[in-house]
Amino acid sequence: MDFLAPEIEQYALEHSELESTLLNELNRQTHLNILQPRMLSGHLQGRILSMLSQSIQPKTILEIGTYTGYSALCMAEGLQNDGVLYTIDINKELAPFAQKYFNKSSYKNLIKLMIGNALEIIPDLNFNWDLVFIDADKENYSNYFDSVIQRVNKGGMIIADNVLWSGKVTRPTSKNDIETKALKTFNEKVHSDSRVKNVLMPVRDGMMIMIKK
């Protein structure tokens, strides 16, 4: 569910920075060849991710949930020249697709794609993070937050996608709707966490943006 009227979103796109030729190709090929292309961040959200990254110029970025690599490439636009972006996904079948576009980009030596369970991989990454993007299985959002918060630098940013979940978070939840319950718990958790400042932006399916105090 998109929370902007189509004509409003189109106007916003027409008055926002264009996506690069590479991102446009990645966007198109994802929609043509990959299941569930809606999972792609897309033009408007991608420009937001790029601008947020450029605003803090991170040296270290962690992405949990790669999909086809669009969001990683957007965030890499703000990465310092000697920085690194680790992106983790559990789906090894999509890895060659994402890696192809990483290799085509000017950030190919800065982006490290890892396949596996993020909760097992993250503790072994010896970094403090300037920017973290969470866009993976919703049931583990709170666990992902807990796994990174202590290692996010002061002034660093955590962004979580899909936190409005097609508006389901605003309605009563059945006991079998595990994803919606998990997102409600996550939203309440970060909103009450004194270690971060937060704002929930109703862009596409909702972006929770947090800054570490």
Foldseek 3Di string as FASTA:
>chain_A
DAPDDPVVVVVVLVPADFDDPLLVVLLVCCVVPPPPSVLDCDDPSLQVLLVVLLVQQWQEEEEEAQQQNNNVVSNCNSHDPNGAYEYEEQDPVNVVNNLVSCVVDPCVVRYHYYHDDCLVVLVVDPAQTQEYEYRDQQLCPVVVCVSHVVRHDAQGKYKYPLLCVVVCLVDDDDPPPNNSVSSVVNVVVVPPDPQWDWDWDSGTNIMIMIGGD
